[in-house]
Every structure is written in structure tokens, then in C-alpha cells.
Amino acid sequence: MDALLGKWQVIKEETVGMEEFLKAAGMPQEVIDIYTKLDYTVATSKEGDGYKTHIVMEGVGEQEYTWKFGEEFEYTAIDSTKPKLTITKGENDTIVESYNLADANRQWTVTRSLEGENMKAVTASKNGQMTQKLKRV
């Protein structure tokens, strides 16, 4: 986990499969447009016996939440939905974010890992997957 702490910025040109993934998930075109153009940073730090994550989304806003491994919490997504999120440690030093938006019957995961100097984030659901890379800033 420690290797994934710090501030990271998405490398938009290395994102693969986002539009297809969002279409397959049934997202409206206006939401797809927001996500595909989104430039963001994510910073995670240790805070007490848990963690704090701060996301800055250019032109959209900011989000901040504190969390502990294995404890479910609710957060507000860009599209104003409120999925439940549980973050766990995966295999080979990965972090797995498990999302559940029950009222829309949507579940997905984001698996974060270190790949060389970059963070790799693979988002997956029953509708397919997309991959993003982030660089440390």
C-alpha cells in the first residue's frame, strides 16, 4: 500500500476502453463526455489508523473521504449517485476498490497497482473493463 500513497495524475492519452466501458454500463452520453475529458489528480495519505483520499477533478470539483481497509462507506460520484465503497488489500500489493450502486443494480471494481513508475487502475464490471495509468506528481 505504501507504494501507492502520494499524489498521482491521470495520463489521459494512456486511457484504454473508457468510452466503450461507460456505454456498456448504460451511462448517459453527457456523463460519458465528462468522464472521457476528465483530467484529475488523486492523493492518498495515511491518517491515524486509516487513510484520506483527496481527488481534484479539473472543471468538475473536489472530493475527499477518509476510509479504513474493509469498512464500507458511501461517497458521491461525479454523476451525483451515491455508491457504497469498500477498499481492500488485493494480491501482489494491489488495492481493490469495490463499488455497489444498489438502486441501479451496478457493481464494479477498481484494482490499483504499481507498474514501473506509474499506477495502473483497472476498472472492471460485468460489462467489460477499462484501464487508466497515473503518474506520480
Protein backbone atom coordinates (compact mmCIF):
# COMPACT_ATOMS: atom_id res chain seq x y z
CA MET A 1 0.00 0.00 0.00
CA ASP A 2 2.74 2.46 0.87
CA ALA A 3 3.96 2.50 -2.74
CA LEU A 4 0.55 3.83 -3.83
CA LEU A 5 0.46 6.66 -1.30
CA GLY A 6 1.10 10.19 -2.53
CA LYS A 7 -0.29 12.32 -5.33
CA TRP A 8 -1.00 10.90 -8.79
CA GLN A 9 -2.23 12.48 -12.02
CA VAL A 10 -4.09 10.60 -14.74
CA ILE A 11 -2.26 10.21 -18.06
CA LYS A 12 -5.32 10.74 -20.26
CA GLU A 13 -3.68 9.65 -23.50
CA GLU A 14 -2.95 6.22 -21.99
CA THR A 15 -6.55 5.51 -21.01
CA VAL A 16 -7.88 2.44 -22.83
CA GLY A 17 -11.52 1.38 -23.26
CA MET A 18 -13.26 4.11 -21.23
CA GLU A 19 -15.98 5.17 -23.65
CA GLU A 20 -16.87 1.58 -24.54
CA PHE A 21 -16.93 0.60 -20.87
CA LEU A 22 -19.21 3.50 -19.89
CA LYS A 23 -21.58 2.88 -22.84
CA ALA A 24 -21.84 -0.80 -21.92
CA ALA A 25 -22.64 0.23 -18.33
CA GLY A 26 -25.58 2.27 -19.63
CA MET A 27 -24.20 5.70 -18.76
CA PRO A 28 -25.88 8.66 -20.48
CA GLN A 29 -23.82 10.43 -23.14
CA GLU A 30 -23.41 13.60 -21.04
CA VAL A 31 -21.79 11.55 -18.25
CA ILE A 32 -19.59 9.73 -20.78
CA ASP A 33 -18.46 13.10 -22.14
CA ILE A 34 -17.50 14.30 -18.66
CA TYR A 35 -15.52 11.16 -17.81
CA THR A 36 -13.68 10.90 -21.14
CA LYS A 37 -12.47 14.52 -20.93
CA LEU A 38 -11.72 14.42 -17.21
CA ASP A 39 -8.26 15.42 -16.02
CA TYR A 40 -7.77 14.61 -12.35
CA THR A 41 -5.32 14.01 -9.54
CA VAL A 42 -5.78 11.66 -6.63
CA ALA A 43 -3.79 11.95 -3.41
CA THR A 44 -3.90 9.33 -0.66
CA SER A 45 -2.21 9.69 2.71
CA LYS A 46 -2.10 7.77 5.96
CA GLU A 47 -4.31 9.36 8.62
CA GLY A 48 -4.37 7.78 12.08
CA ASP A 49 -5.41 4.15 11.72
CA GLY A 50 -6.94 4.81 8.29
CA TYR A 51 -6.39 6.78 5.11
CA LYS A 52 -7.53 10.01 3.49
CA THR A 53 -8.08 10.34 -0.26
CA HIS A 54 -8.43 13.73 -1.96
CA ILE A 55 -9.47 13.88 -5.63
CA VAL A 56 -9.27 17.08 -7.69
CA MET A 57 -11.21 16.91 -10.97
CA GLU A 58 -10.42 19.78 -13.32
CA GLY A 59 -13.59 21.72 -14.14
CA VAL A 60 -15.76 19.42 -12.00
CA GLY A 61 -14.74 19.85 -8.38
CA GLU A 62 -13.09 18.05 -5.50
CA GLN A 63 -13.90 15.07 -3.30
CA GLU A 64 -12.34 13.95 -0.06
CA TYR A 65 -13.03 10.94 2.07
CA THR A 66 -11.43 9.00 4.88
CA TRP A 67 -11.51 5.23 4.97
CA LYS A 68 -10.18 2.05 6.52
CA PHE A 69 -9.50 -1.26 4.83
CA GLY A 70 -12.56 -3.49 4.78
CA GLU A 71 -15.02 -0.85 6.03
CA GLU A 72 -17.85 0.15 3.70
CA PHE A 73 -18.71 3.83 3.25
CA GLU A 74 -20.81 5.95 0.92
CA TYR A 75 -19.49 8.67 -1.33
CA THR A 76 -20.93 10.94 -4.02
CA ALA A 77 -19.77 10.27 -7.60
CA ILE A 78 -19.45 12.85 -10.40
CA ASP A 79 -22.94 11.94 -11.65
CA SER A 80 -24.38 12.55 -8.13
CA THR A 81 -25.00 8.84 -7.49
CA LYS A 82 -24.01 7.52 -4.06
CA PRO A 83 -22.41 4.10 -4.36
CA LYS A 84 -21.16 2.15 -1.37
CA LEU A 85 -17.40 1.62 -1.48
CA THR A 86 -15.19 -0.90 0.31
CA ILE A 87 -11.40 -0.81 -0.14
CA THR A 88 -9.36 -3.95 0.50
CA LYS A 89 -5.82 -5.20 0.00
CA GLY A 90 -5.55 -7.48 -3.01
CA GLU A 91 -2.85 -9.86 -4.17
CA ASN A 92 0.67 -8.65 -5.02
CA ASP A 93 0.37 -5.29 -3.21
CA THR A 94 -2.75 -4.21 -5.10
CA ILE A 95 -5.59 -2.16 -3.69
CA VAL A 96 -9.12 -3.19 -4.69
CA GLU A 97 -11.99 -0.71 -4.56
CA SER A 98 -15.37 -2.49 -4.67
CA TYR A 99 -18.34 -0.30 -5.58
CA ASN A 100 -22.02 -1.13 -5.25
CA LEU A 101 -24.76 1.14 -6.53
CA ALA A 102 -27.68 -1.00 -5.38
CA ASP A 103 -30.56 1.14 -6.67
CA ALA A 104 -29.14 0.93 -10.22
CA ASN A 105 -28.01 -2.71 -9.83
CA ARG A 106 -24.44 -1.71 -10.75
CA GLN A 107 -21.29 -3.18 -9.23
CA TRP A 108 -17.70 -2.61 -10.31
CA THR A 109 -14.16 -2.79 -9.02
CA VAL A 110 -11.06 -0.68 -9.48
CA THR A 111 -7.79 -2.53 -8.92
CA ARG A 112 -4.78 -0.27 -8.40
CA SER A 113 -1.21 -1.49 -8.71
CA LEU A 114 2.25 -0.14 -9.31
CA GLU A 115 3.57 -0.73 -12.84
CA GLY A 116 7.11 0.59 -13.08
CA GLU A 117 6.91 4.25 -12.05
CA ASN A 118 3.18 4.54 -12.80
CA MET A 119 0.00 3.49 -11.08
CA LYS A 120 -2.27 1.25 -13.15
CA ALA A 121 -6.01 1.39 -12.41
CA VAL A 122 -8.17 -1.31 -13.99
CA THR A 123 -11.91 -0.74 -13.70
CA ALA A 124 -13.98 -3.88 -14.30
CA SER A 125 -17.62 -4.96 -14.20
CA LYS A 126 -19.84 -7.49 -15.89
CA ASN A 127 -19.86 -5.05 -18.86
CA GLY A 128 -16.10 -5.19 -19.51
CA GLN A 129 -13.10 -3.22 -18.36
CA MET A 130 -11.04 -0.09 -18.92
CA THR A 131 -7.50 0.81 -17.90
CA GLN A 132 -6.01 4.10 -16.79
CA LYS A 133 -2.44 4.99 -15.90
CA LEU A 134 -1.42 7.69 -13.46
CA LYS A 135 1.98 9.31 -12.89
CA ARG A 136 3.32 10.45 -9.55
CA VAL A 137 3.39 14.24 -9.18
